[in-house]
């Protein structure tokens, strides 16, 4: 299977947005040139990269060292945040909040209907 530099670019772009991180911050944290980050993020010059570069960028983005290498090789790495207890709890709270909101909306609709008939 060929190297999927488009997938690497998409992964980096999505993660930067998710983290609210700039290219400059990523370059600084990864210890790579800003141009390298731009090339990777926008797939400007797909070419063989040092495994150290992909590992450094992966780590700087909060992923395991081999994350981007796995993406490059067509893999679908597990979400490293999936087991984070804080994020799991946040998701649970979000689901409960959505349920409460739906119930309040239903109550408001019923009350509005009663007002029309009363």
PDB file of N, CA and C in Angstrom:
ATOM      1  N   UNK A   1       0.847  -1.184   0.000  1.00  0.00           N
ATOM      2  CA  UNK A   1       0.000   0.000   0.000  1.00  0.00           C
ATOM      3  C   UNK A   1       0.889   1.241   0.000  1.00  0.00           C
ATOM      4  N   UNK A   2       0.482   2.281  -0.759  1.00  0.00           N
ATOM      5  CA  UNK A   2       1.263   3.509  -0.843  1.00  0.00           C
ATOM      6  C   UNK A   2       1.130   4.354   0.407  1.00  0.00           C
ATOM      7  N   UNK A   3       1.913   5.380   0.428  1.00  0.00           N
ATOM      8  CA  UNK A   3       1.890   6.308   1.563  1.00  0.00           C
ATOM      9  C   UNK A   3       0.752   7.296   1.371  1.00  0.00           C
ATOM     10  N   UNK A   4      -0.024   7.526   2.402  1.00  0.00           N
ATOM     11  CA  UNK A   4      -1.197   8.395   2.326  1.00  0.00           C
ATOM     12  C   UNK A   4      -0.909   9.738   2.989  1.00  0.00           C
ATOM     13  N   UNK A   5      -0.211  10.598   2.251  1.00  0.00           N
ATOM     14  CA  UNK A   5       0.140  11.905   2.787  1.00  0.00           C
ATOM     15  C   UNK A   5      -1.093  12.796   2.951  1.00  0.00           C
ATOM     16  N   UNK A   6      -2.138  12.561   2.124  1.00  0.00           N
ATOM     17  CA  UNK A   6      -3.375  13.332   2.282  1.00  0.00           C
ATOM     18  C   UNK A   6      -4.005  13.044   3.645  1.00  0.00           C
ATOM     19  N   UNK A   7      -3.957  11.791   4.071  1.00  0.00           N
ATOM     20  CA  UNK A   7      -4.521  11.419   5.373  1.00  0.00           C
ATOM     21  C   UNK A   7      -3.722  12.058   6.508  1.00  0.00           C
ATOM     22  N   UNK A   8      -2.410  12.115   6.341  1.00  0.00           N
ATOM     23  CA  UNK A   8      -1.556  12.770   7.350  1.00  0.00           C
ATOM     24  C   UNK A   8      -1.921  14.244   7.437  1.00  0.00           C
ATOM     25  N   UNK A   9      -2.060  14.889   6.280  1.00  0.00           N
ATOM     26  CA  UNK A   9      -2.413  16.320   6.249  1.00  0.00           C
ATOM     27  C   UNK A   9      -3.760  16.548   6.925  1.00  0.00           C
ATOM     28  N   UNK A  10      -4.736  15.707   6.608  1.00  0.00           N
ATOM     29  CA  UNK A  10      -6.073  15.854   7.194  1.00  0.00           C
ATOM     30  C   UNK A  10      -6.040  15.647   8.705  1.00  0.00           C
ATOM     31  N   UNK A  11      -5.258  14.672   9.160  1.00  0.00           N
ATOM     32  CA  UNK A  11      -5.150  14.399  10.598  1.00  0.00           C
ATOM     33  C   UNK A  11      -4.529  15.585  11.332  1.00  0.00           C
ATOM     34  N   UNK A  12      -3.474  16.132  10.754  1.00  0.00           N
ATOM     35  CA  UNK A  12      -2.807  17.284  11.381  1.00  0.00           C
ATOM     36  C   UNK A  12      -3.749  18.479  11.408  1.00  0.00           C
ATOM     37  N   UNK A  13      -4.413  18.753  10.297  1.00  0.00           N
ATOM     38  CA  UNK A  13      -5.336  19.888  10.221  1.00  0.00           C
ATOM     39  C   UNK A  13      -6.439  19.759  11.269  1.00  0.00           C
ATOM     40  N   UNK A  14      -7.042  18.593  11.342  1.00  0.00           N
ATOM     41  CA  UNK A  14      -8.135  18.381  12.294  1.00  0.00           C
ATOM     42  C   UNK A  14      -7.645  18.549  13.735  1.00  0.00           C
ATOM     43  N   UNK A  15      -6.474  18.008  14.022  1.00  0.00           N
ATOM     44  CA  UNK A  15      -5.957  18.079  15.401  1.00  0.00           C
ATOM     45  C   UNK A  15      -5.589  19.509  15.785  1.00  0.00           C
ATOM     46  N   UNK A  16      -5.001  20.255  14.845  1.00  0.00           N
ATOM     47  CA  UNK A  16      -4.677  21.654  15.127  1.00  0.00           C
ATOM     48  C   UNK A  16      -5.947  22.430  15.469  1.00  0.00           C
ATOM     49  N   UNK A  17      -7.014  22.194  14.696  1.00  0.00           N
ATOM     50  CA  UNK A  17      -8.283  22.868  14.961  1.00  0.00           C
ATOM     51  C   UNK A  17      -8.846  22.434  16.315  1.00  0.00           C
ATOM     52  N   UNK A  18      -8.785  21.149  16.574  1.00  0.00           N
ATOM     53  CA  UNK A  18      -9.300  20.603  17.826  1.00  0.00           C
ATOM     54  C   UNK A  18      -8.589  21.211  19.035  1.00  0.00           C
ATOM     55  N   UNK A  19      -7.281  21.377  18.913  1.00  0.00           N
ATOM     56  CA  UNK A  19      -6.480  21.898  20.025  1.00  0.00           C
ATOM     57  C   UNK A  19      -6.385  23.421  20.040  1.00  0.00           C
ATOM     58  N   UNK A  20      -6.824  24.059  18.957  1.00  0.00           N
ATOM     59  CA  UNK A  20      -6.680  25.510  18.854  1.00  0.00           C
ATOM     60  C   UNK A  20      -5.219  25.920  18.789  1.00  0.00           C
ATOM     61  N   UNK A  21      -4.423  25.090  18.139  1.00  0.00           N
ATOM     62  CA  UNK A  21      -2.980  25.301  18.068  1.00  0.00           C
ATOM     63  C   UNK A  21      -2.616  25.877  16.692  1.00  0.00           C
ATOM     64  N   UNK A  22      -1.644  26.759  16.670  1.00  0.00           N
ATOM     65  CA  UNK A  22      -1.178  27.319  15.399  1.00  0.00           C
ATOM     66  C   UNK A  22      -0.039  26.473  14.828  1.00  0.00           C
ATOM     67  N   UNK A  23       0.255  26.706  13.570  1.00  0.00           N
ATOM     68  CA  UNK A  23       1.384  26.024  12.937  1.00  0.00           C
ATOM     69  C   UNK A  23       2.675  26.361  13.679  1.00  0.00           C
ATOM     70  N   UNK A  24       2.825  27.616  14.051  1.00  0.00           N
ATOM     71  CA  UNK A  24       4.031  28.048  14.752  1.00  0.00           C
ATOM     72  C   UNK A  24       4.186  27.326  16.088  1.00  0.00           C
ATOM     73  N   UNK A  25       3.089  27.188  16.828  1.00  0.00           N
ATOM     74  CA  UNK A  25       3.147  26.472  18.101  1.00  0.00           C
ATOM     75  C   UNK A  25       3.538  25.013  17.883  1.00  0.00           C
ATOM     76  N   UNK A  26       2.947  24.406  16.863  1.00  0.00           N
ATOM     77  CA  UNK A  26       3.269  23.009  16.577  1.00  0.00           C
ATOM     78  C   UNK A  26       4.733  22.859  16.202  1.00  0.00           C
ATOM     79  N   UNK A  27       5.217  23.735  15.341  1.00  0.00           N
ATOM     80  CA  UNK A  27       6.621  23.673  14.935  1.00  0.00           C
ATOM     81  C   UNK A  27       7.541  23.809  16.143  1.00  0.00           C
ATOM     82  N   UNK A  28       7.212  24.748  17.019  1.00  0.00           N
ATOM     83  CA  UNK A  28       8.026  24.978  18.210  1.00  0.00           C
ATOM     84  C   UNK A  28       8.005  23.760  19.138  1.00  0.00           C
ATOM     85  N   UNK A  29       6.819  23.220  19.397  1.00  0.00           N
ATOM     86  CA  UNK A  29       6.705  22.064  20.291  1.00  0.00           C
ATOM     87  C   UNK A  29       7.367  20.821  19.712  1.00  0.00           C
ATOM     88  N   UNK A  30       7.290  20.679  18.389  1.00  0.00           N
ATOM     89  CA  UNK A  30       7.851  19.490  17.755  1.00  0.00           C
ATOM     90  C   UNK A  30       9.346  19.629  17.477  1.00  0.00           C
ATOM     91  N   UNK A  31       9.840  20.855  17.520  1.00  0.00           N
ATOM     92  CA  UNK A  31      11.256  21.078  17.222  1.00  0.00           C
ATOM     93  C   UNK A  31      11.557  20.907  15.740  1.00  0.00           C
ATOM     94  N   UNK A  32      10.599  21.282  14.899  1.00  0.00           N
ATOM     95  CA  UNK A  32      10.789  21.200  13.450  1.00  0.00           C
ATOM     96  C   UNK A  32      10.571  22.587  12.861  1.00  0.00           C
ATOM     97  N   UNK A  33      10.986  22.759  11.614  1.00  0.00           N
ATOM     98  CA  UNK A  33      10.829  24.041  10.935  1.00  0.00           C
ATOM     99  C   UNK A  33       9.353  24.302  10.643  1.00  0.00           C
ATOM    100  N   UNK A  34       8.975  25.558  10.680  1.00  0.00           N
ATOM    101  CA  UNK A  34       7.611  25.953  10.352  1.00  0.00           C
ATOM    102  C   UNK A  34       7.241  25.466   8.949  1.00  0.00           C
ATOM    103  N   UNK A  35       8.172  25.542   8.011  1.00  0.00           N
ATOM    104  CA  UNK A  35       7.908  25.093   6.644  1.00  0.00           C
ATOM    105  C   UNK A  35       7.576  23.596   6.620  1.00  0.00           C
ATOM    106  N   UNK A  36       8.202  22.823   7.467  1.00  0.00           N
ATOM    107  CA  UNK A  36       7.903  21.384   7.543  1.00  0.00           C
ATOM    108  C   UNK A  36       6.458  21.175   7.977  1.00  0.00           C
ATOM    109  N   UNK A  37       6.020  21.920   8.977  1.00  0.00           N
ATOM    110  CA  UNK A  37       4.634  21.816   9.438  1.00  0.00           C
ATOM    111  C   UNK A  37       3.685  22.199   8.311  1.00  0.00           C
ATOM    112  N   UNK A  38       3.974  23.292   7.605  1.00  0.00           N
ATOM    113  CA  UNK A  38       3.118  23.729   6.497  1.00  0.00           C
ATOM    114  C   UNK A  38       3.046  22.660   5.416  1.00  0.00           C
ATOM    115  N   UNK A  39       4.192  22.101   5.072  1.00  0.00           N
ATOM    116  CA  UNK A  39       4.229  21.070   4.033  1.00  0.00           C
ATOM    117  C   UNK A  39       3.407  19.850   4.440  1.00  0.00           C
ATOM    118  N   UNK A  40       3.536  19.432   5.701  1.00  0.00           N
ATOM    119  CA  UNK A  40       2.783  18.277   6.178  1.00  0.00           C
ATOM    120  C   UNK A  40       1.290  18.572   6.259  1.00  0.00           C
ATOM    121  N   UNK A  41       0.947  19.732   6.810  1.00  0.00           N
ATOM    122  CA  UNK A  41      -0.455  20.071   7.020  1.00  0.00           C
ATOM    123  C   UNK A  41      -1.210  20.245   5.709  1.00  0.00           C
ATOM    124  N   UNK A  42      -0.543  20.719   4.693  1.00  0.00           N
ATOM    125  CA  UNK A  42      -1.217  20.984   3.417  1.00  0.00           C
ATOM    126  C   UNK A  42      -0.762  20.041   2.306  1.00  0.00           C
ATOM    127  N   UNK A  43       0.020  19.032   2.680  1.00  0.00           N
ATOM    128  CA  UNK A  43       0.533  18.052   1.721  1.00  0.00           C
ATOM    129  C   UNK A  43       1.153  18.743   0.516  1.00  0.00           C
ATOM    130  N   UNK A  44       2.031  19.706   0.775  1.00  0.00           N
ATOM    131  CA  UNK A  44       2.632  20.489  -0.299  1.00  0.00           C
ATOM    132  C   UNK A  44       3.743  19.750  -1.029  1.00  0.00           C
ATOM    133  N   UNK A  45       4.553  19.012  -0.288  1.00  0.00           N
ATOM    134  CA  UNK A  45       5.659  18.287  -0.903  1.00  0.00           C
ATOM    135  C   UNK A  45       5.706  16.872  -0.335  1.00  0.00           C
ATOM    136  N   UNK A  46       4.795  16.005  -0.821  1.00  0.00           N
ATOM    137  CA  UNK A  46       4.800  14.638  -0.287  1.00  0.00           C
ATOM    138  C   UNK A  46       6.105  13.937  -0.637  1.00  0.00           C
ATOM    139  N   UNK A  47       6.863  13.613   0.367  1.00  0.00           N
ATOM    140  CA  UNK A  47       8.146  12.938   0.176  1.00  0.00           C
ATOM    141  C   UNK A  47       8.499  12.197   1.444  1.00  0.00           C
ATOM    142  N   UNK A  48       9.484  11.375   1.345  1.00  0.00           N
ATOM    143  CA  UNK A  48       9.921  10.614   2.510  1.00  0.00           C
ATOM    144  C   UNK A  48      10.385  11.587   3.594  1.00  0.00           C
ATOM    145  N   UNK A  49       9.889  11.363   4.775  1.00  0.00           N
ATOM    146  CA  UNK A  49      10.264  12.182   5.931  1.00  0.00           C
ATOM    147  C   UNK A  49      10.971  11.297   6.940  1.00  0.00           C
ATOM    148  N   UNK A  50      11.772  11.900   7.730  1.00  0.00           N
ATOM    149  CA  UNK A  50      12.436  11.181   8.802  1.00  0.00           C
ATOM    150  C   UNK A  50      11.376  10.660   9.765  1.00  0.00           C
ATOM    151  N   UNK A  51      11.507   9.413  10.191  1.00  0.00           N
ATOM    152  CA  UNK A  51      10.562   8.909  11.207  1.00  0.00           C
ATOM    153  C   UNK A  51      10.554   9.785  12.457  1.00  0.00           C
ATOM    154  N   UNK A  52      11.690  10.396  12.750  1.00  0.00           N
ATOM    155  CA  UNK A  52      11.775  11.290  13.920  1.00  0.00           C
ATOM    156  C   UNK A  52      10.863  12.508  13.752  1.00  0.00           C
ATOM    157  N   UNK A  53      10.747  13.006  12.503  1.00  0.00           N
ATOM    158  CA  UNK A  53       9.899  14.176  12.256  1.00  0.00           C
ATOM    159  C   UNK A  53       8.445  13.844  12.539  1.00  0.00           C
ATOM    160  N   UNK A  54       7.972  12.730  11.969  1.00  0.00           N
ATOM    161  CA  UNK A  54       6.576  12.337  12.202  1.00  0.00           C
ATOM    162  C   UNK A  54       6.327  12.024  13.675  1.00  0.00           C
ATOM    163  N   UNK A  55       7.290  11.413  14.331  1.00  0.00           N
ATOM    164  CA  UNK A  55       7.143  11.096  15.759  1.00  0.00           C
ATOM    165  C   UNK A  55       7.072  12.381  16.576  1.00  0.00           C
ATOM    166  N   UNK A  56       7.919  13.355  16.256  1.00  0.00           N
ATOM    167  CA  UNK A  56       7.933  14.620  17.000  1.00  0.00           C
ATOM    168  C   UNK A  56       6.627  15.385  16.811  1.00  0.00           C
ATOM    169  N   UNK A  57       6.113  15.396  15.582  1.00  0.00           N
ATOM    170  CA  UNK A  57       4.855  16.091  15.313  1.00  0.00           C
ATOM    171  C   UNK A  57       3.709  15.367  16.013  1.00  0.00           C
ATOM    172  N   UNK A  58       3.724  14.046  15.958  1.00  0.00           N
ATOM    173  CA  UNK A  58       2.686  13.269  16.653  1.00  0.00           C
ATOM    174  C   UNK A  58       2.662  13.608  18.135  1.00  0.00           C
ATOM    175  N   UNK A  59       3.813  13.574  18.761  1.00  0.00           N
ATOM    176  CA  UNK A  59       3.923  13.841  20.194  1.00  0.00           C
ATOM    177  C   UNK A  59       3.492  15.269  20.522  1.00  0.00           C
ATOM    178  N   UNK A  60       3.905  16.220  19.684  1.00  0.00           N
ATOM    179  CA  UNK A  60       3.541  17.622  19.911  1.00  0.00           C
ATOM    180  C   UNK A  60       2.030  17.833  19.807  1.00  0.00           C
ATOM    181  N   UNK A  61       1.370  16.966  19.054  1.00  0.00           N
ATOM    182  CA  UNK A  61      -0.086  17.050  18.913  1.00  0.00           C
ATOM    183  C   UNK A  61      -0.819  16.236  19.983  1.00  0.00           C
ATOM    184  N   UNK A  62      -0.055  15.673  20.917  1.00  0.00           N
ATOM    185  CA  UNK A  62      -0.659  14.925  22.014  1.00  0.00           C
ATOM    186  C   UNK A  62      -1.013  13.496  21.660  1.00  0.00           C
ATOM    187  N   UNK A  63      -0.433  12.998  20.592  1.00  0.00           N
ATOM    188  CA  UNK A  63      -0.668  11.622  20.156  1.00  0.00           C
ATOM    189  C   UNK A  63       0.535  10.760  20.515  1.00  0.00           C
ATOM    190  N   UNK A  64       0.365   9.443  20.507  1.00  0.00           N
ATOM    191  CA  UNK A  64       1.523   8.561  20.679  1.00  0.00           C
ATOM    192  C   UNK A  64       2.505   8.778  19.524  1.00  0.00           C
ATOM    193  N   UNK A  65       3.745   8.483  19.778  1.00  0.00           N
ATOM    194  CA  UNK A  65       4.830   8.709  18.823  1.00  0.00           C
ATOM    195  C   UNK A  65       4.549   8.156  17.424  1.00  0.00           C
ATOM    196  N   UNK A  66       3.965   6.991  17.326  1.00  0.00           N
ATOM    197  CA  UNK A  66       3.767   6.350  16.032  1.00  0.00           C
ATOM    198  C   UNK A  66       2.457   6.681  15.342  1.00  0.00           C
ATOM    199  N   UNK A  67       1.692   7.617  15.878  1.00  0.00           N
ATOM    200  CA  UNK A  67       0.357   7.907  15.354  1.00  0.00           C
ATOM    201  C   UNK A  67       0.378   8.308  13.880  1.00  0.00           C
ATOM    202  N   UNK A  68       1.146   9.330  13.529  1.00  0.00           N
ATOM    203  CA  UNK A  68       1.147   9.798  12.143  1.00  0.00           C
ATOM    204  C   UNK A  68       1.775   8.789  11.198  1.00  0.00           C
ATOM    205  N   UNK A  69       2.754   8.027  11.665  1.00  0.00           N
ATOM    206  CA  UNK A  69       3.338   6.980  10.828  1.00  0.00           C
ATOM    207  C   UNK A  69       2.289   5.934  10.486  1.00  0.00           C
ATOM    208  N   UNK A  70       1.441   5.615  11.450  1.00  0.00           N
ATOM    209  CA  UNK A  70       0.373   4.647  11.208  1.00  0.00           C
ATOM    210  C   UNK A  70      -0.644   5.205  10.215  1.00  0.00           C
ATOM    211  N   UNK A  71      -0.991   6.482  10.360  1.00  0.00           N
ATOM    212  CA  UNK A  71      -1.904   7.134   9.416  1.00  0.00           C
ATOM    213  C   UNK A  71      -1.285   7.113   8.017  1.00  0.00           C
ATOM    214  N   UNK A  72      -0.015   7.453   7.936  1.00  0.00           N
ATOM    215  CA  UNK A  72       0.693   7.475   6.652  1.00  0.00           C
ATOM    216  C   UNK A  72       0.638   6.126   5.948  1.00  0.00           C
ATOM    217  N   UNK A  73       0.705   5.069   6.710  1.00  0.00           N
ATOM    218  CA  UNK A  73       0.713   3.722   6.142  1.00  0.00           C
ATOM    219  C   UNK A  73      -0.684   3.132   5.972  1.00  0.00           C
ATOM    220  N   UNK A  74      -1.699   3.990   6.060  1.00  0.00           N
ATOM    221  CA  UNK A  74      -3.058   3.548   5.795  1.00  0.00           C
ATOM    222  C   UNK A  74      -3.789   2.999   6.997  1.00  0.00           C
ATOM    223  N   UNK A  75      -3.181   3.082   8.156  1.00  0.00           N
ATOM    224  CA  UNK A  75      -3.826   2.575   9.361  1.00  0.00           C
ATOM    225  C   UNK A  75      -4.820   3.577   9.928  1.00  0.00           C
ATOM    226  N   UNK A  76      -5.624   3.091  10.815  1.00  0.00           N
ATOM    227  CA  UNK A  76      -6.576   3.941  11.529  1.00  0.00           C
ATOM    228  C   UNK A  76      -6.272   3.809  13.016  1.00  0.00           C
ATOM    229  N   UNK A  77      -5.314   4.590  13.500  1.00  0.00           N
ATOM    230  CA  UNK A  77      -4.929   4.468  14.906  1.00  0.00           C
ATOM    231  C   UNK A  77      -6.092   4.767  15.833  1.00  0.00           C
ATOM    232  N   UNK A  78      -6.069   4.096  16.972  1.00  0.00           N
ATOM    233  CA  UNK A  78      -7.083   4.339  17.993  1.00  0.00           C
ATOM    234  C   UNK A  78      -6.974   5.765  18.488  1.00  0.00           C
ATOM    235  N   UNK A  79      -8.096   6.307  18.857  1.00  0.00           N
ATOM    236  CA  UNK A  79      -8.113   7.634  19.441  1.00  0.00           C
ATOM    237  C   UNK A  79      -7.483   7.542  20.829  1.00  0.00           C
ATOM    238  N   UNK A  80      -6.333   8.184  21.028  1.00  0.00           N
ATOM    239  CA  UNK A  80      -5.659   8.076  22.326  1.00  0.00           C
ATOM    240  C   UNK A  80      -6.447   8.718  23.455  1.00  0.00           C
ATOM    241  N   UNK A  81      -7.421   9.556  23.112  1.00  0.00           N
ATOM    242  CA  UNK A  81      -8.222  10.212  24.143  1.00  0.00           C
ATOM    243  C   UNK A  81      -9.448   9.398  24.529  1.00  0.00           C
ATOM    244  N   UNK A  82      -9.701   8.299  23.831  1.00  0.00           N
ATOM    245  CA  UNK A  82     -10.931   7.529  24.032  1.00  0.00           C
ATOM    246  C   UNK A  82     -11.076   7.021  25.468  1.00  0.00           C
ATOM    247  N   UNK A  83      -9.988   6.689  26.107  1.00  0.00           N
ATOM    248  CA  UNK A  83     -10.054   6.135  27.463  1.00  0.00           C
ATOM    249  C   UNK A  83      -9.796   7.184  28.550  1.00  0.00           C
ATOM    250  N   UNK A  84      -9.646   8.425  28.147  1.00  0.00           N
ATOM    251  CA  UNK A  84      -9.391   9.487  29.113  1.00  0.00           C
ATOM    252  C   UNK A  84     -10.617   9.643  30.012  1.00  0.00           C
ATOM    253  N   UNK A  85     -10.490   9.382  31.317  1.00  0.00           N
ATOM    254  CA  UNK A  85     -11.658   9.410  32.205  1.00  0.00           C
ATOM    255  C   UNK A  85     -12.350  10.772  32.243  1.00  0.00           C
ATOM    256  N   UNK A  86     -11.605  11.835  32.099  1.00  0.00           N
ATOM    257  CA  UNK A  86     -12.211  13.167  32.106  1.00  0.00           C
ATOM    258  C   UNK A  86     -13.080  13.353  30.867  1.00  0.00           C
ATOM    259  N   UNK A  87     -12.559  12.920  29.710  1.00  0.00           N
ATOM    260  CA  UNK A  87     -13.333  13.052  28.486  1.00  0.00           C
ATOM    261  C   UNK A  87     -14.539  12.123  28.472  1.00  0.00           C
ATOM    262  N   UNK A  88     -14.395  10.943  29.042  1.00  0.00           N
ATOM    263  CA  UNK A  88     -15.527  10.017  29.140  1.00  0.00           C
ATOM    264  C   UNK A  88     -16.620  10.638  30.006  1.00  0.00           C
ATOM    265  N   UNK A  89     -16.230  11.203  31.132  1.00  0.00           N
ATOM    266  CA  UNK A  89     -17.197  11.855  32.021  1.00  0.00           C
ATOM    267  C   UNK A  89     -17.828  13.066  31.331  1.00  0.00           C
ATOM    268  N   UNK A  90     -17.044  13.826  30.615  1.00  0.00           N
ATOM    269  CA  UNK A  90     -17.564  14.981  29.888  1.00  0.00           C
ATOM    270  C   UNK A  90     -18.602  14.547  28.856  1.00  0.00           C
ATOM    271  N   UNK A  91     -18.335  13.462  28.165  1.00  0.00           N
ATOM    272  CA  UNK A  91     -19.285  12.944  27.180  1.00  0.00           C
ATOM    273  C   UNK A  91     -20.587  12.507  27.872  1.00  0.00           C
ATOM    274  N   UNK A  92     -20.463  11.850  29.014  1.00  0.00           N
ATOM    275  CA  UNK A  92     -21.639  11.430  29.767  1.00  0.00           C
ATOM    276  C   UNK A  92     -22.461  12.641  30.198  1.00  0.00           C
ATOM    277  N   UNK A  93     -21.791  13.662  30.702  1.00  0.00           N
ATOM    278  CA  UNK A  93     -22.489  14.878  31.115  1.00  0.00           C
ATOM    279  C   UNK A  93     -23.165  15.561  29.929  1.00  0.00           C
ATOM    280  N   UNK A  94     -22.489  15.556  28.791  1.00  0.00           N
ATOM    281  CA  UNK A  94     -23.054  16.155  27.587  1.00  0.00           C
ATOM    282  C   UNK A  94     -24.333  15.426  27.162  1.00  0.00           C
ATOM    283  N   UNK A  95     -24.314  14.101  27.237  1.00  0.00           N
ATOM    284  CA  UNK A  95     -25.504  13.318  26.890  1.00  0.00           C
ATOM    285  C   UNK A  95     -26.654  13.624  27.850  1.00  0.00           C
ATOM    286  N   UNK A  96     -26.347  13.721  29.136  1.00  0.00           N
ATOM    287  CA  UNK A  96     -27.383  14.039  30.127  1.00  0.00           C
ATOM    288  C   UNK A  96     -27.948  15.439  29.888  1.00  0.00           C
ATOM    289  N   UNK A  97     -27.086  16.382  29.587  1.00  0.00           N
ATOM    290  CA  UNK A  97     -27.528  17.748  29.320  1.00  0.00           C
ATOM    291  C   UNK A  97     -28.429  17.790  28.084  1.00  0.00           C
ATOM    292  N   UNK A  98     -28.071  17.054  27.052  1.00  0.00           N
ATOM    293  CA  UNK A  98     -28.912  16.998  25.854  1.00  0.00           C
ATOM    294  C   UNK A  98     -30.282  16.415  26.171  1.00  0.00           C
ATOM    295  N   UNK A  99     -30.314  15.403  27.033  1.00  0.00           N
ATOM    296  CA  UNK A  99     -31.577  14.785  27.437  1.00  0.00           C
ATOM    297  C   UNK A  99     -32.435  15.772  28.215  1.00  0.00           C
ATOM    298  N   UNK A 100     -31.835  16.488  29.134  1.00  0.00           N
ATOM    299  CA  UNK A 100     -32.564  17.490  29.926  1.00  0.00           C
ATOM    300  C   UNK A 100     -33.089  18.598  29.017  1.00  0.00           C
ATOM    301  N   UNK A 101     -32.281  19.037  28.091  1.00  0.00           N
ATOM    302  CA  UNK A 101     -32.696  20.087  27.156  1.00  0.00           C
ATOM    303  C   UNK A 101     -33.886  19.630  26.325  1.00  0.00           C
ATOM    304  N   UNK A 102     -33.853  18.400  25.849  1.00  0.00           N
ATOM    305  CA  UNK A 102     -34.966  17.866  25.053  1.00  0.00           C
ATOM    306  C   UNK A 102     -36.241  17.825  25.895  1.00  0.00           C
ATOM    307  N   UNK A 103     -36.120  17.421  27.149  1.00  0.00           N
ATOM    308  CA  UNK A 103     -37.292  17.366  28.029  1.00  0.00           C
ATOM    309  C   UNK A 103     -37.850  18.765  28.297  1.00  0.00           C
ATOM    310  N   UNK A 104     -36.977  19.735  28.525  1.00  0.00           N
ATOM    311  CA  UNK A 104     -37.431  21.109  28.741  1.00  0.00           C
ATOM    312  C   UNK A 104     -38.122  21.663  27.500  1.00  0.00           C
ATOM    313  N   UNK A 105     -37.570  21.364  26.330  1.00  0.00           N
ATOM    314  CA  UNK A 105     -38.195  21.798  25.074  1.00  0.00           C
ATOM    315  C   UNK A 105     -39.603  21.223  24.950  1.00  0.00           C
ATOM    316  N   UNK A 106     -39.764  19.950  25.298  1.00  0.00           N
ATOM    317  CA  UNK A 106     -41.084  19.305  25.228  1.00  0.00           C
ATOM    318  C   UNK A 106     -42.056  19.969  26.204  1.00  0.00           C
ATOM    319  N   UNK A 107     -41.596  20.282  27.407  1.00  0.00           N
ATOM    320  CA  UNK A 107     -42.435  20.948  28.398  1.00  0.00           C
ATOM    321  C   UNK A 107     -42.850  22.332  27.890  1.00  0.00           C
ATOM    322  N   UNK A 108     -41.902  23.065  27.323  1.00  0.00           N
ATOM    323  CA  UNK A 108     -42.212  24.393  26.797  1.00  0.00           C
ATOM    324  C   UNK A 108     -43.249  24.319  25.681  1.00  0.00           C
ATOM    325  N   UNK A 109     -43.109  23.316  24.800  1.00  0.00           N
ATOM    326  CA  UNK A 109     -44.082  23.156  23.715  1.00  0.00           C
ATOM    327  C   UNK A 109     -45.471  22.863  24.283  1.00  0.00           C
ATOM    328  N   UNK A 110     -45.533  22.006  25.304  1.00  0.00           N
ATOM    329  CA  UNK A 110     -46.820  21.685  25.930  1.00  0.00           C
ATOM    330  C   UNK A 110     -47.435  22.915  26.587  1.00  0.00           C
ATOM    331  N   UNK A 111     -46.617  23.653  27.303  1.00  0.00           N
ATOM    332  CA  UNK A 111     -47.120  24.863  27.961  1.00  0.00           C
ATOM    333  C   UNK A 111     -47.578  25.884  26.930  1.00  0.00           C
ATOM    334  N   UNK A 112     -46.847  26.027  25.856  1.00  0.00           N
ATOM    335  CA  UNK A 112     -47.252  26.964  24.795  1.00  0.00           C
ATOM    336  C   UNK A 112     -48.565  26.514  24.179  1.00  0.00           C
ATOM    337  N   UNK A 113     -48.768  25.219  24.029  1.00  0.00           N
ATOM    338  CA  UNK A 113     -50.017  24.683  23.495  1.00  0.00           C
ATOM    339  C   UNK A 113     -51.172  24.938  24.444  1.00  0.00           C
ATOM    340  N   UNK A 114     -50.920  24.820  25.744  1.00  0.00           N
ATOM    341  CA  UNK A 114     -51.963  25.079  26.743  1.00  0.00           C
ATOM    342  C   UNK A 114     -52.357  26.545  26.736  1.00  0.00           C
ATOM    343  N   UNK A 115     -51.371  27.440  26.543  1.00  0.00           N
ATOM    344  CA  UNK A 115     -51.647  28.872  26.490  1.00  0.00           C
ATOM    345  C   UNK A 115     -52.553  29.206  25.310  1.00  0.00           C
ATOM    346  N   UNK A 116     -52.369  28.514  24.191  1.00  0.00           N
ATOM    347  CA  UNK A 116     -53.187  28.780  23.003  1.00  0.00           C
ATOM    348  C   UNK A 116     -54.619  28.336  23.227  1.00  0.00           C
ATOM    349  N   UNK A 117     -54.813  27.269  24.029  1.00  0.00           N
ATOM    350  CA  UNK A 117     -56.144  26.727  24.254  1.00  0.00           C
ATOM    351  C   UNK A 117     -56.838  27.384  25.447  1.00  0.00           C
ATOM    352  N   UNK A 118     -56.093  28.109  26.260  1.00  0.00           N
ATOM    353  CA  UNK A 118     -56.641  28.614  27.514  1.00  0.00           C
ATOM    354  C   UNK A 118     -57.141  29.973  27.421  1.00  0.00           C
TER     355      UNK A 118
END
